[in-house]
């Protein structure tokens, strides 16, 4: 986090949710191109 001066930082948390859908507009046309399915966690990222 925040660069190599904090390399190897470790944070702990839990899985807050699974199969979360995040809209992605990759070509910048204002239209959603894809829903990225991700895991949600409260571990500091």
ModelCIF file with pLDDT and N, C-alpha, C, O atoms, coordinates in Angstrom:
data_MODEL
#
_entry.id   MODEL 
#
_entity.id                         1 
_entity.type                       polymer 
_entity.pdbx_number_of_molecules   1 
#
_entity_poly.entity_id                      1 
_entity_poly.type                           'polypeptide(L)' 
_entity_poly.nstd_linkage                   no 
_entity_poly.nstd_monomer                   no 
_entity_poly.pdbx_seq_one_letter_code       
;(UNK)(UNK)(UNK)(UNK)(UNK)(UNK)(UNK)(UNK)(UNK)(UNK)(UNK)(UNK)(UNK)(UNK)(UNK)(UNK)
(UNK)(UNK)(UNK)(UNK)(UNK)(UNK)(UNK)(UNK)(UNK)(UNK)(UNK)(UNK)(UNK)(UNK)(UNK)(UNK)
(UNK)(UNK)(UNK)(UNK)(UNK)(UNK)(UNK)(UNK)(UNK)(UNK)(UNK)(UNK)(UNK)
;
_entity_poly.pdbx_seq_one_letter_code_can   XXXXXXXXXXXXXXXXXXXXXXXXXXXXXXXXXXXXXXXXXXXXX 
_entity_poly.pdbx_strand_id                 A 
#
loop_
_entity_poly_seq.entity_id 
_entity_poly_seq.num 
_entity_poly_seq.mon_id 
_entity_poly_seq.hetero 
1 1  UNK n 
1 2  UNK n 
1 3  UNK n 
1 4  UNK n 
1 5  UNK n 
1 6  UNK n 
1 7  UNK n 
1 8  UNK n 
1 9  UNK n 
1 10 UNK n 
1 11 UNK n 
1 12 UNK n 
1 13 UNK n 
1 14 UNK n 
1 15 UNK n 
1 16 UNK n 
1 17 UNK n 
1 18 UNK n 
1 19 UNK n 
1 20 UNK n 
1 21 UNK n 
1 22 UNK n 
1 23 UNK n 
1 24 UNK n 
1 25 UNK n 
1 26 UNK n 
1 27 UNK n 
1 28 UNK n 
1 29 UNK n 
1 30 UNK n 
1 31 UNK n 
1 32 UNK n 
1 33 UNK n 
1 34 UNK n 
1 35 UNK n 
1 36 UNK n 
1 37 UNK n 
1 38 UNK n 
1 39 UNK n 
1 40 UNK n 
1 41 UNK n 
1 42 UNK n 
1 43 UNK n 
1 44 UNK n 
1 45 UNK n 
#
_struct_asym.id          A 
_struct_asym.entity_id   1 
#
loop_
_ma_qa_metric.id 
_ma_qa_metric.mode 
_ma_qa_metric.name 
_ma_qa_metric.software_group_id 
_ma_qa_metric.type 
1 global pLDDT . pLDDT 
2 local  pLDDT . pLDDT 
#
_ma_qa_metric_global.metric_id      1 
_ma_qa_metric_global.metric_value   79.16 
_ma_qa_metric_global.model_id       1 
_ma_qa_metric_global.ordinal_id     1 
#
loop_
_ma_qa_metric_local.label_asym_id 
_ma_qa_metric_local.label_comp_id 
_ma_qa_metric_local.label_seq_id 
_ma_qa_metric_local.metric_id 
_ma_qa_metric_local.metric_value 
_ma_qa_metric_local.model_id 
_ma_qa_metric_local.ordinal_id 
A UNK 1  2 73.00 1 1  
A UNK 2  2 66.00 1 2  
A UNK 3  2 66.00 1 3  
A UNK 4  2 73.00 1 4  
A UNK 5  2 68.00 1 5  
A UNK 6  2 68.00 1 6  
A UNK 7  2 74.00 1 7  
A UNK 8  2 75.00 1 8  
A UNK 9  2 85.00 1 9  
A UNK 10 2 89.00 1 10 
A UNK 11 2 89.00 1 11 
A UNK 12 2 89.00 1 12 
A UNK 13 2 91.00 1 13 
A UNK 14 2 93.00 1 14 
A UNK 15 2 94.00 1 15 
A UNK 16 2 92.00 1 16 
A UNK 17 2 90.00 1 17 
A UNK 18 2 90.00 1 18 
A UNK 19 2 80.00 1 19 
A UNK 20 2 84.00 1 20 
A UNK 21 2 79.00 1 21 
A UNK 22 2 78.00 1 22 
A UNK 23 2 75.00 1 23 
A UNK 24 2 74.00 1 24 
A UNK 25 2 70.00 1 25 
A UNK 26 2 67.00 1 26 
A UNK 27 2 67.00 1 27 
A UNK 28 2 69.00 1 28 
A UNK 29 2 70.00 1 29 
A UNK 30 2 69.00 1 30 
A UNK 31 2 68.00 1 31 
A UNK 32 2 70.00 1 32 
A UNK 33 2 68.00 1 33 
A UNK 34 2 72.00 1 34 
A UNK 35 2 77.00 1 35 
A UNK 36 2 79.00 1 36 
A UNK 37 2 84.00 1 37 
A UNK 38 2 90.00 1 38 
A UNK 39 2 92.00 1 39 
A UNK 40 2 91.00 1 40 
A UNK 41 2 91.00 1 41 
A UNK 42 2 88.00 1 42 
A UNK 43 2 86.00 1 43 
A UNK 44 2 80.00 1 44 
A UNK 45 2 79.00 1 45 
#
loop_
_atom_site.group_PDB 
_atom_site.id 
_atom_site.type_symbol 
_atom_site.label_atom_id 
_atom_site.label_alt_id 
_atom_site.label_comp_id 
_atom_site.label_asym_id 
_atom_site.label_entity_id 
_atom_site.label_seq_id 
_atom_site.pdbx_PDB_ins_code 
_atom_site.Cartn_x 
_atom_site.Cartn_y 
_atom_site.Cartn_z 
_atom_site.occupancy 
_atom_site.B_iso_or_equiv 
_atom_site.pdbx_formal_charge 
_atom_site.auth_seq_id 
_atom_site.auth_comp_id 
_atom_site.auth_asym_id 
_atom_site.auth_atom_id 
_atom_site.pdbx_PDB_model_num 
ATOM 1   N N  . UNK A 1 1  ? 0.821   -1.212  0.000   1.00 73.00 ? 1  UNK A N  1 
ATOM 2   C CA . UNK A 1 1  ? 0.000   0.000   0.000   1.00 73.00 ? 1  UNK A CA 1 
ATOM 3   C C  . UNK A 1 1  ? 0.854   1.262   0.000   1.00 73.00 ? 1  UNK A C  1 
ATOM 4   O O  . UNK A 1 1  ? 1.844   1.366   0.725   1.00 73.00 ? 1  UNK A O  1 
ATOM 5   N N  . UNK A 1 2  ? 0.447   2.212   -0.829  1.00 66.00 ? 2  UNK A N  1 
ATOM 6   C CA . UNK A 1 2  ? 1.073   3.540   -0.863  1.00 66.00 ? 2  UNK A CA 1 
ATOM 7   C C  . UNK A 1 2  ? 2.526   3.501   -1.311  1.00 66.00 ? 2  UNK A C  1 
ATOM 8   O O  . UNK A 1 2  ? 3.271   4.446   -1.049  1.00 66.00 ? 2  UNK A O  1 
ATOM 9   N N  . UNK A 1 3  ? 2.949   2.426   -1.985  1.00 66.00 ? 3  UNK A N  1 
ATOM 10  C CA . UNK A 1 3  ? 4.302   2.390   -2.517  1.00 66.00 ? 3  UNK A CA 1 
ATOM 11  C C  . UNK A 1 3  ? 5.173   1.339   -1.866  1.00 66.00 ? 3  UNK A C  1 
ATOM 12  O O  . UNK A 1 3  ? 4.775   0.670   -0.913  1.00 66.00 ? 3  UNK A O  1 
ATOM 13  N N  . UNK A 1 4  ? 6.397   1.208   -2.419  1.00 73.00 ? 4  UNK A N  1 
ATOM 14  C CA . UNK A 1 4  ? 7.296   0.140   -1.980  1.00 73.00 ? 4  UNK A CA 1 
ATOM 15  C C  . UNK A 1 4  ? 7.828   0.343   -0.574  1.00 73.00 ? 4  UNK A C  1 
ATOM 16  O O  . UNK A 1 4  ? 8.349   -0.597  0.026   1.00 73.00 ? 4  UNK A O  1 
ATOM 17  N N  . UNK A 1 5  ? 7.708   1.572   -0.025  1.00 68.00 ? 5  UNK A N  1 
ATOM 18  C CA . UNK A 1 5  ? 8.203   1.778   1.347   1.00 68.00 ? 5  UNK A CA 1 
ATOM 19  C C  . UNK A 1 5  ? 7.372   1.003   2.358   1.00 68.00 ? 5  UNK A C  1 
ATOM 20  O O  . UNK A 1 5  ? 7.820   0.778   3.482   1.00 68.00 ? 5  UNK A O  1 
ATOM 21  N N  . UNK A 1 6  ? 6.162   0.591   1.972   1.00 68.00 ? 6  UNK A N  1 
ATOM 22  C CA . UNK A 1 6  ? 5.324   -0.233  2.846   1.00 68.00 ? 6  UNK A CA 1 
ATOM 23  C C  . UNK A 1 6  ? 5.175   -1.638  2.270   1.00 68.00 ? 6  UNK A C  1 
ATOM 24  O O  . UNK A 1 6  ? 4.146   -2.287  2.462   1.00 68.00 ? 6  UNK A O  1 
ATOM 25  N N  . UNK A 1 7  ? 6.198   -2.103  1.569   1.00 74.00 ? 7  UNK A N  1 
ATOM 26  C CA . UNK A 1 7  ? 6.124   -3.410  0.909   1.00 74.00 ? 7  UNK A CA 1 
ATOM 27  C C  . UNK A 1 7  ? 5.885   -4.534  1.915   1.00 74.00 ? 7  UNK A C  1 
ATOM 28  O O  . UNK A 1 7  ? 6.378   -4.503  3.042   1.00 74.00 ? 7  UNK A O  1 
ATOM 29  N N  . UNK A 1 8  ? 5.120   -5.518  1.473   1.00 75.00 ? 8  UNK A N  1 
ATOM 30  C CA . UNK A 1 8  ? 4.843   -6.678  2.317   1.00 75.00 ? 8  UNK A CA 1 
ATOM 31  C C  . UNK A 1 8  ? 3.891   -6.413  3.456   1.00 75.00 ? 8  UNK A C  1 
ATOM 32  O O  . UNK A 1 8  ? 3.848   -7.183  4.415   1.00 75.00 ? 8  UNK A O  1 
ATOM 33  N N  . UNK A 1 9  ? 3.116   -5.326  3.372   1.00 85.00 ? 9  UNK A N  1 
ATOM 34  C CA . UNK A 1 9  ? 2.161   -5.028  4.444   1.00 85.00 ? 9  UNK A CA 1 
ATOM 35  C C  . UNK A 1 9  ? 1.092   -6.116  4.531   1.00 85.00 ? 9  UNK A C  1 
ATOM 36  O O  . UNK A 1 9  ? 0.622   -6.634  3.518   1.00 85.00 ? 9  UNK A O  1 
ATOM 37  N N  . UNK A 1 10 ? 0.723   -6.445  5.756   1.00 89.00 ? 10 UNK A N  1 
ATOM 38  C CA . UNK A 1 10 ? -0.255  -7.507  6.007   1.00 89.00 ? 10 UNK A CA 1 
ATOM 39  C C  . UNK A 1 10 ? -1.461  -6.911  6.725   1.00 89.00 ? 10 UNK A C  1 
ATOM 40  O O  . UNK A 1 10 ? -1.313  -6.221  7.734   1.00 89.00 ? 10 UNK A O  1 
ATOM 41  N N  . UNK A 1 11 ? -2.643  -7.178  6.203   1.00 89.00 ? 11 UNK A N  1 
ATOM 42  C CA . UNK A 1 11 ? -3.878  -6.779  6.881   1.00 89.00 ? 11 UNK A CA 1 
ATOM 43  C C  . UNK A 1 11 ? -4.784  -8.003  6.971   1.00 89.00 ? 11 UNK A C  1 
ATOM 44  O O  . UNK A 1 11 ? -4.717  -8.906  6.138   1.00 89.00 ? 11 UNK A O  1 
ATOM 45  N N  . UNK A 1 12 ? -5.621  -8.016  7.983   1.00 89.00 ? 12 UNK A N  1 
ATOM 46  C CA . UNK A 1 12 ? -6.499  -9.151  8.204   1.00 89.00 ? 12 UNK A CA 1 
ATOM 47  C C  . UNK A 1 12 ? -7.948  -8.685  8.265   1.00 89.00 ? 12 UNK A C  1 
ATOM 48  O O  . UNK A 1 12 ? -8.239  -7.596  8.758   1.00 89.00 ? 12 UNK A O  1 
ATOM 49  N N  . UNK A 1 13 ? -8.847  -9.516  7.763   1.00 91.00 ? 13 UNK A N  1 
ATOM 50  C CA . UNK A 1 13 ? -10.271 -9.200  7.812   1.00 91.00 ? 13 UNK A CA 1 
ATOM 51  C C  . UNK A 1 13 ? -11.075 -10.452 7.540   1.00 91.00 ? 13 UNK A C  1 
ATOM 52  O O  . UNK A 1 13 ? -10.623 -11.567 7.799   1.00 91.00 ? 13 UNK A O  1 
ATOM 53  N N  . UNK A 1 14 ? -12.267 -10.255 7.017   1.00 93.00 ? 14 UNK A N  1 
ATOM 54  C CA . UNK A 1 14 ? -13.141 -11.370 6.668   1.00 93.00 ? 14 UNK A CA 1 
ATOM 55  C C  . UNK A 1 14 ? -13.690 -11.163 5.265   1.00 93.00 ? 14 UNK A C  1 
ATOM 56  O O  . UNK A 1 14 ? -13.587 -10.076 4.698   1.00 93.00 ? 14 UNK A O  1 
ATOM 57  N N  . UNK A 1 15 ? -14.271 -12.211 4.718   1.00 94.00 ? 15 UNK A N  1 
ATOM 58  C CA . UNK A 1 15 ? -15.017 -12.084 3.472   1.00 94.00 ? 15 UNK A CA 1 
ATOM 59  C C  . UNK A 1 15 ? -16.367 -11.460 3.819   1.00 94.00 ? 15 UNK A C  1 
ATOM 60  O O  . UNK A 1 15 ? -17.154 -12.036 4.570   1.00 94.00 ? 15 UNK A O  1 
ATOM 61  N N  . UNK A 1 16 ? -16.624 -10.278 3.264   1.00 92.00 ? 16 UNK A N  1 
ATOM 62  C CA . UNK A 1 16 ? -17.877 -9.574  3.551   1.00 92.00 ? 16 UNK A CA 1 
ATOM 63  C C  . UNK A 1 16 ? -18.992 -10.007 2.606   1.00 92.00 ? 16 UNK A C  1 
ATOM 64  O O  . UNK A 1 16 ? -20.169 -9.933  2.959   1.00 92.00 ? 16 UNK A O  1 
ATOM 65  N N  . UNK A 1 17 ? -18.630 -10.453 1.417   1.00 90.00 ? 17 UNK A N  1 
ATOM 66  C CA . UNK A 1 17 ? -19.634 -10.885 0.446   1.00 90.00 ? 17 UNK A CA 1 
ATOM 67  C C  . UNK A 1 17 ? -18.974 -11.557 -0.735  1.00 90.00 ? 17 UNK A C  1 
ATOM 68  O O  . UNK A 1 17 ? -17.809 -11.294 -1.034  1.00 90.00 ? 17 UNK A O  1 
ATOM 69  N N  . UNK A 1 18 ? -19.713 -12.425 -1.413  1.00 90.00 ? 18 UNK A N  1 
ATOM 70  C CA . UNK A 1 18 ? -19.220 -13.115 -2.602  1.00 90.00 ? 18 UNK A CA 1 
ATOM 71  C C  . UNK A 1 18 ? -20.100 -12.757 -3.792  1.00 90.00 ? 18 UNK A C  1 
ATOM 72  O O  . UNK A 1 18 ? -21.237 -12.317 -3.621  1.00 90.00 ? 18 UNK A O  1 
ATOM 73  N N  . UNK A 1 19 ? -19.574 -12.947 -4.993  1.00 80.00 ? 19 UNK A N  1 
ATOM 74  C CA . UNK A 1 19 ? -20.309 -12.714 -6.239  1.00 80.00 ? 19 UNK A CA 1 
ATOM 75  C C  . UNK A 1 19 ? -20.889 -11.303 -6.306  1.00 80.00 ? 19 UNK A C  1 
ATOM 76  O O  . UNK A 1 19 ? -22.018 -11.108 -6.755  1.00 80.00 ? 19 UNK A O  1 
ATOM 77  N N  . UNK A 1 20 ? -20.116 -10.332 -5.860  1.00 84.00 ? 20 UNK A N  1 
ATOM 78  C CA . UNK A 1 20 ? -20.518 -8.935  -6.024  1.00 84.00 ? 20 UNK A CA 1 
ATOM 79  C C  . UNK A 1 20 ? -20.303 -8.526  -7.483  1.00 84.00 ? 20 UNK A C  1 
ATOM 80  O O  . UNK A 1 20 ? -19.277 -8.869  -8.071  1.00 84.00 ? 20 UNK A O  1 
ATOM 81  N N  . UNK A 1 21 ? -21.240 -7.811  -8.063  1.00 79.00 ? 21 UNK A N  1 
ATOM 82  C CA . UNK A 1 21 ? -21.152 -7.372  -9.456  1.00 79.00 ? 21 UNK A CA 1 
ATOM 83  C C  . UNK A 1 21 ? -20.833 -5.881  -9.492  1.00 79.00 ? 21 UNK A C  1 
ATOM 84  O O  . UNK A 1 21 ? -21.603 -5.058  -8.997  1.00 79.00 ? 21 UNK A O  1 
ATOM 85  N N  . UNK A 1 22 ? -19.685 -5.543  -10.086 1.00 78.00 ? 22 UNK A N  1 
ATOM 86  C CA . UNK A 1 22 ? -19.250 -4.157  -10.184 1.00 78.00 ? 22 UNK A CA 1 
ATOM 87  C C  . UNK A 1 22 ? -19.287 -3.735  -11.650 1.00 78.00 ? 22 UNK A C  1 
ATOM 88  O O  . UNK A 1 22 ? -18.594 -4.340  -12.468 1.00 78.00 ? 22 UNK A O  1 
ATOM 89  N N  . UNK A 1 23 ? -20.081 -2.707  -12.014 1.00 75.00 ? 23 UNK A N  1 
ATOM 90  C CA . UNK A 1 23 ? -20.159 -2.276  -13.421 1.00 75.00 ? 23 UNK A CA 1 
ATOM 91  C C  . UNK A 1 23 ? -18.847 -1.660  -13.900 1.00 75.00 ? 23 UNK A C  1 
ATOM 92  O O  . UNK A 1 23 ? -18.229 -0.863  -13.194 1.00 75.00 ? 23 UNK A O  1 
ATOM 93  N N  . UNK A 1 24 ? -18.430 -2.037  -15.105 1.00 74.00 ? 24 UNK A N  1 
ATOM 94  C CA . UNK A 1 24 ? -17.184 -1.555  -15.691 1.00 74.00 ? 24 UNK A CA 1 
ATOM 95  C C  . UNK A 1 24 ? -17.472 -0.905  -17.041 1.00 74.00 ? 24 UNK A C  1 
ATOM 96  O O  . UNK A 1 24 ? -18.102 -1.514  -17.906 1.00 74.00 ? 24 UNK A O  1 
ATOM 97  N N  . UNK A 1 25 ? -17.009 0.334   -17.223 1.00 70.00 ? 25 UNK A N  1 
ATOM 98  C CA . UNK A 1 25 ? -17.069 1.022   -18.515 1.00 70.00 ? 25 UNK A CA 1 
ATOM 99  C C  . UNK A 1 25 ? -15.636 1.165   -19.012 1.00 70.00 ? 25 UNK A C  1 
ATOM 100 O O  . UNK A 1 25 ? -14.939 2.109   -18.640 1.00 70.00 ? 25 UNK A O  1 
ATOM 101 N N  . UNK A 1 26 ? -15.195 0.231   -19.852 1.00 67.00 ? 26 UNK A N  1 
ATOM 102 C CA . UNK A 1 26 ? -13.793 0.184   -20.249 1.00 67.00 ? 26 UNK A CA 1 
ATOM 103 C C  . UNK A 1 26 ? -13.455 1.137   -21.395 1.00 67.00 ? 26 UNK A C  1 
ATOM 104 O O  . UNK A 1 26 ? -12.326 1.623   -21.470 1.00 67.00 ? 26 UNK A O  1 
ATOM 105 N N  . UNK A 1 27 ? -14.402 1.413   -22.284 1.00 67.00 ? 27 UNK A N  1 
ATOM 106 C CA . UNK A 1 27 ? -14.076 2.268   -23.419 1.00 67.00 ? 27 UNK A CA 1 
ATOM 107 C C  . UNK A 1 27 ? -14.488 3.726   -23.211 1.00 67.00 ? 27 UNK A C  1 
ATOM 108 O O  . UNK A 1 27 ? -14.355 4.547   -24.119 1.00 67.00 ? 27 UNK A O  1 
ATOM 109 N N  . UNK A 1 28 ? -14.990 4.048   -22.015 1.00 69.00 ? 28 UNK A N  1 
ATOM 110 C CA . UNK A 1 28 ? -15.274 5.436   -21.667 1.00 69.00 ? 28 UNK A CA 1 
ATOM 111 C C  . UNK A 1 28 ? -16.432 6.064   -22.410 1.00 69.00 ? 28 UNK A C  1 
ATOM 112 O O  . UNK A 1 28 ? -16.498 7.288   -22.523 1.00 69.00 ? 28 UNK A O  1 
ATOM 113 N N  . UNK A 1 29 ? -17.350 5.252   -22.922 1.00 70.00 ? 29 UNK A N  1 
ATOM 114 C CA . UNK A 1 29 ? -18.477 5.815   -23.674 1.00 70.00 ? 29 UNK A CA 1 
ATOM 115 C C  . UNK A 1 29 ? -19.703 6.064   -22.807 1.00 70.00 ? 29 UNK A C  1 
ATOM 116 O O  . UNK A 1 29 ? -20.769 6.411   -23.315 1.00 70.00 ? 29 UNK A O  1 
ATOM 117 N N  . UNK A 1 30 ? -19.553 5.888   -21.508 1.00 69.00 ? 30 UNK A N  1 
ATOM 118 C CA . UNK A 1 30 ? -20.670 6.119   -20.602 1.00 69.00 ? 30 UNK A CA 1 
ATOM 119 C C  . UNK A 1 30 ? -21.602 4.934   -20.470 1.00 69.00 ? 30 UNK A C  1 
ATOM 120 O O  . UNK A 1 30 ? -22.571 4.987   -19.712 1.00 69.00 ? 30 UNK A O  1 
ATOM 121 N N  . UNK A 1 31 ? -21.320 3.860   -21.202 1.00 68.00 ? 31 UNK A N  1 
ATOM 122 C CA . UNK A 1 31 ? -22.140 2.659   -21.142 1.00 68.00 ? 31 UNK A CA 1 
ATOM 123 C C  . UNK A 1 31 ? -21.386 1.559   -20.384 1.00 68.00 ? 31 UNK A C  1 
ATOM 124 O O  . UNK A 1 31 ? -20.173 1.409   -20.534 1.00 68.00 ? 31 UNK A O  1 
ATOM 125 N N  . UNK A 1 32 ? -22.108 0.811   -19.587 1.00 70.00 ? 32 UNK A N  1 
ATOM 126 C CA . UNK A 1 32 ? -21.491 -0.297  -18.846 1.00 70.00 ? 32 UNK A CA 1 
ATOM 127 C C  . UNK A 1 32 ? -21.171 -1.422  -19.828 1.00 70.00 ? 32 UNK A C  1 
ATOM 128 O O  . UNK A 1 32 ? -22.061 -1.937  -20.504 1.00 70.00 ? 32 UNK A O  1 
ATOM 129 N N  . UNK A 1 33 ? -19.896 -1.797  -19.900 1.00 68.00 ? 33 UNK A N  1 
ATOM 130 C CA . UNK A 1 33 ? -19.456 -2.839  -20.824 1.00 68.00 ? 33 UNK A CA 1 
ATOM 131 C C  . UNK A 1 33 ? -19.443 -4.223  -20.190 1.00 68.00 ? 33 UNK A C  1 
ATOM 132 O O  . UNK A 1 33 ? -19.540 -5.236  -20.882 1.00 68.00 ? 33 UNK A O  1 
ATOM 133 N N  . UNK A 1 34 ? -19.323 -4.256  -18.870 1.00 72.00 ? 34 UNK A N  1 
ATOM 134 C CA . UNK A 1 34 ? -19.098 -5.552  -18.229 1.00 72.00 ? 34 UNK A CA 1 
ATOM 135 C C  . UNK A 1 34 ? -19.395 -5.425  -16.752 1.00 72.00 ? 34 UNK A C  1 
ATOM 136 O O  . UNK A 1 34 ? -19.181 -4.364  -16.164 1.00 72.00 ? 34 UNK A O  1 
ATOM 137 N N  . UNK A 1 35 ? -19.880 -6.483  -16.150 1.00 77.00 ? 35 UNK A N  1 
ATOM 138 C CA . UNK A 1 35 ? -20.026 -6.561  -14.701 1.00 77.00 ? 35 UNK A CA 1 
ATOM 139 C C  . UNK A 1 35 ? -18.951 -7.481  -14.159 1.00 77.00 ? 35 UNK A C  1 
ATOM 140 O O  . UNK A 1 35 ? -18.991 -8.691  -14.382 1.00 77.00 ? 35 UNK A O  1 
ATOM 141 N N  . UNK A 1 36 ? -17.994 -6.914  -13.450 1.00 79.00 ? 36 UNK A N  1 
ATOM 142 C CA . UNK A 1 36 ? -16.933 -7.725  -12.866 1.00 79.00 ? 36 UNK A CA 1 
ATOM 143 C C  . UNK A 1 36 ? -17.447 -8.380  -11.594 1.00 79.00 ? 36 UNK A C  1 
ATOM 144 O O  . UNK A 1 36 ? -17.934 -7.701  -10.691 1.00 79.00 ? 36 UNK A O  1 
ATOM 145 N N  . UNK A 1 37 ? -17.335 -9.711  -11.527 1.00 84.00 ? 37 UNK A N  1 
ATOM 146 C CA . UNK A 1 37 ? -17.740 -10.441 -10.327 1.00 84.00 ? 37 UNK A CA 1 
ATOM 147 C C  . UNK A 1 37 ? -16.550 -10.522 -9.386  1.00 84.00 ? 37 UNK A C  1 
ATOM 148 O O  . UNK A 1 37 ? -15.497 -11.044 -9.753  1.00 84.00 ? 37 UNK A O  1 
ATOM 149 N N  . UNK A 1 38 ? -16.714 -10.010 -8.180  1.00 90.00 ? 38 UNK A N  1 
ATOM 150 C CA . UNK A 1 38 ? -15.591 -9.896  -7.248  1.00 90.00 ? 38 UNK A CA 1 
ATOM 151 C C  . UNK A 1 38 ? -15.982 -10.389 -5.863  1.00 90.00 ? 38 UNK A C  1 
ATOM 152 O O  . UNK A 1 38 ? -17.162 -10.528 -5.539  1.00 90.00 ? 38 UNK A O  1 
ATOM 153 N N  . UNK A 1 39 ? -14.949 -10.652 -5.046  1.00 92.00 ? 39 UNK A N  1 
ATOM 154 C CA . UNK A 1 39 ? -15.141 -10.915 -3.624  1.00 92.00 ? 39 UNK A CA 1 
ATOM 155 C C  . UNK A 1 39 ? -15.028 -9.592  -2.880  1.00 92.00 ? 39 UNK A C  1 
ATOM 156 O O  . UNK A 1 39 ? -14.188 -8.755  -3.209  1.00 92.00 ? 39 UNK A O  1 
ATOM 157 N N  . UNK A 1 40 ? -15.868 -9.412  -1.887  1.00 91.00 ? 40 UNK A N  1 
ATOM 158 C CA . UNK A 1 40 ? -15.800 -8.211  -1.046  1.00 91.00 ? 40 UNK A CA 1 
ATOM 159 C C  . UNK A 1 40 ? -15.175 -8.573  0.296   1.00 91.00 ? 40 UNK A C  1 
ATOM 160 O O  . UNK A 1 40 ? -15.550 -9.570  0.912   1.00 91.00 ? 40 UNK A O  1 
ATOM 161 N N  . UNK A 1 41 ? -14.219 -7.758  0.748   1.00 91.00 ? 41 UNK A N  1 
ATOM 162 C CA . UNK A 1 41 ? -13.564 -8.002  2.030   1.00 91.00 ? 41 UNK A CA 1 
ATOM 163 C C  . UNK A 1 41 ? -13.396 -6.698  2.789   1.00 91.00 ? 41 UNK A C  1 
ATOM 164 O O  . UNK A 1 41 ? -13.339 -5.627  2.186   1.00 91.00 ? 41 UNK A O  1 
ATOM 165 N N  . UNK A 1 42 ? -13.317 -6.786  4.121   1.00 88.00 ? 42 UNK A N  1 
ATOM 166 C CA . UNK A 1 42 ? -13.032 -5.595  4.920   1.00 88.00 ? 42 UNK A CA 1 
ATOM 167 C C  . UNK A 1 42 ? -11.563 -5.514  5.310   1.00 88.00 ? 42 UNK A C  1 
ATOM 168 O O  . UNK A 1 42 ? -11.172 -4.613  6.052   1.00 88.00 ? 42 UNK A O  1 
ATOM 169 N N  . UNK A 1 43 ? -10.729 -6.458  4.815   1.00 86.00 ? 43 UNK A N  1 
ATOM 170 C CA . UNK A 1 43 ? -9.281  -6.332  5.007   1.00 86.00 ? 43 UNK A CA 1 
ATOM 171 C C  . UNK A 1 43 ? -8.819  -5.070  4.278   1.00 86.00 ? 43 UNK A C  1 
ATOM 172 O O  . UNK A 1 43 ? -9.206  -4.841  3.132   1.00 86.00 ? 43 UNK A O  1 
ATOM 173 N N  . UNK A 1 44 ? -8.008  -4.266  4.922   1.00 80.00 ? 44 UNK A N  1 
ATOM 174 C CA . UNK A 1 44 ? -7.613  -2.974  4.361   1.00 80.00 ? 44 UNK A CA 1 
ATOM 175 C C  . UNK A 1 44 ? -6.879  -3.152  3.034   1.00 80.00 ? 44 UNK A C  1 
ATOM 176 O O  . UNK A 1 44 ? -5.839  -3.807  2.971   1.00 80.00 ? 44 UNK A O  1 
ATOM 177 N N  . UNK A 1 45 ? -7.435  -2.559  1.976   1.00 79.00 ? 45 UNK A N  1 
ATOM 178 C CA . UNK A 1 45 ? -6.819  -2.555  0.654   1.00 79.00 ? 45 UNK A CA 1 
ATOM 179 C C  . UNK A 1 45 ? -6.698  -1.095  0.222   1.00 79.00 ? 45 UNK A C  1 
ATOM 180 O O  . UNK A 1 45 ? -6.205  -0.813  -0.870  1.00 79.00 ? 45 UNK A O  1 
#
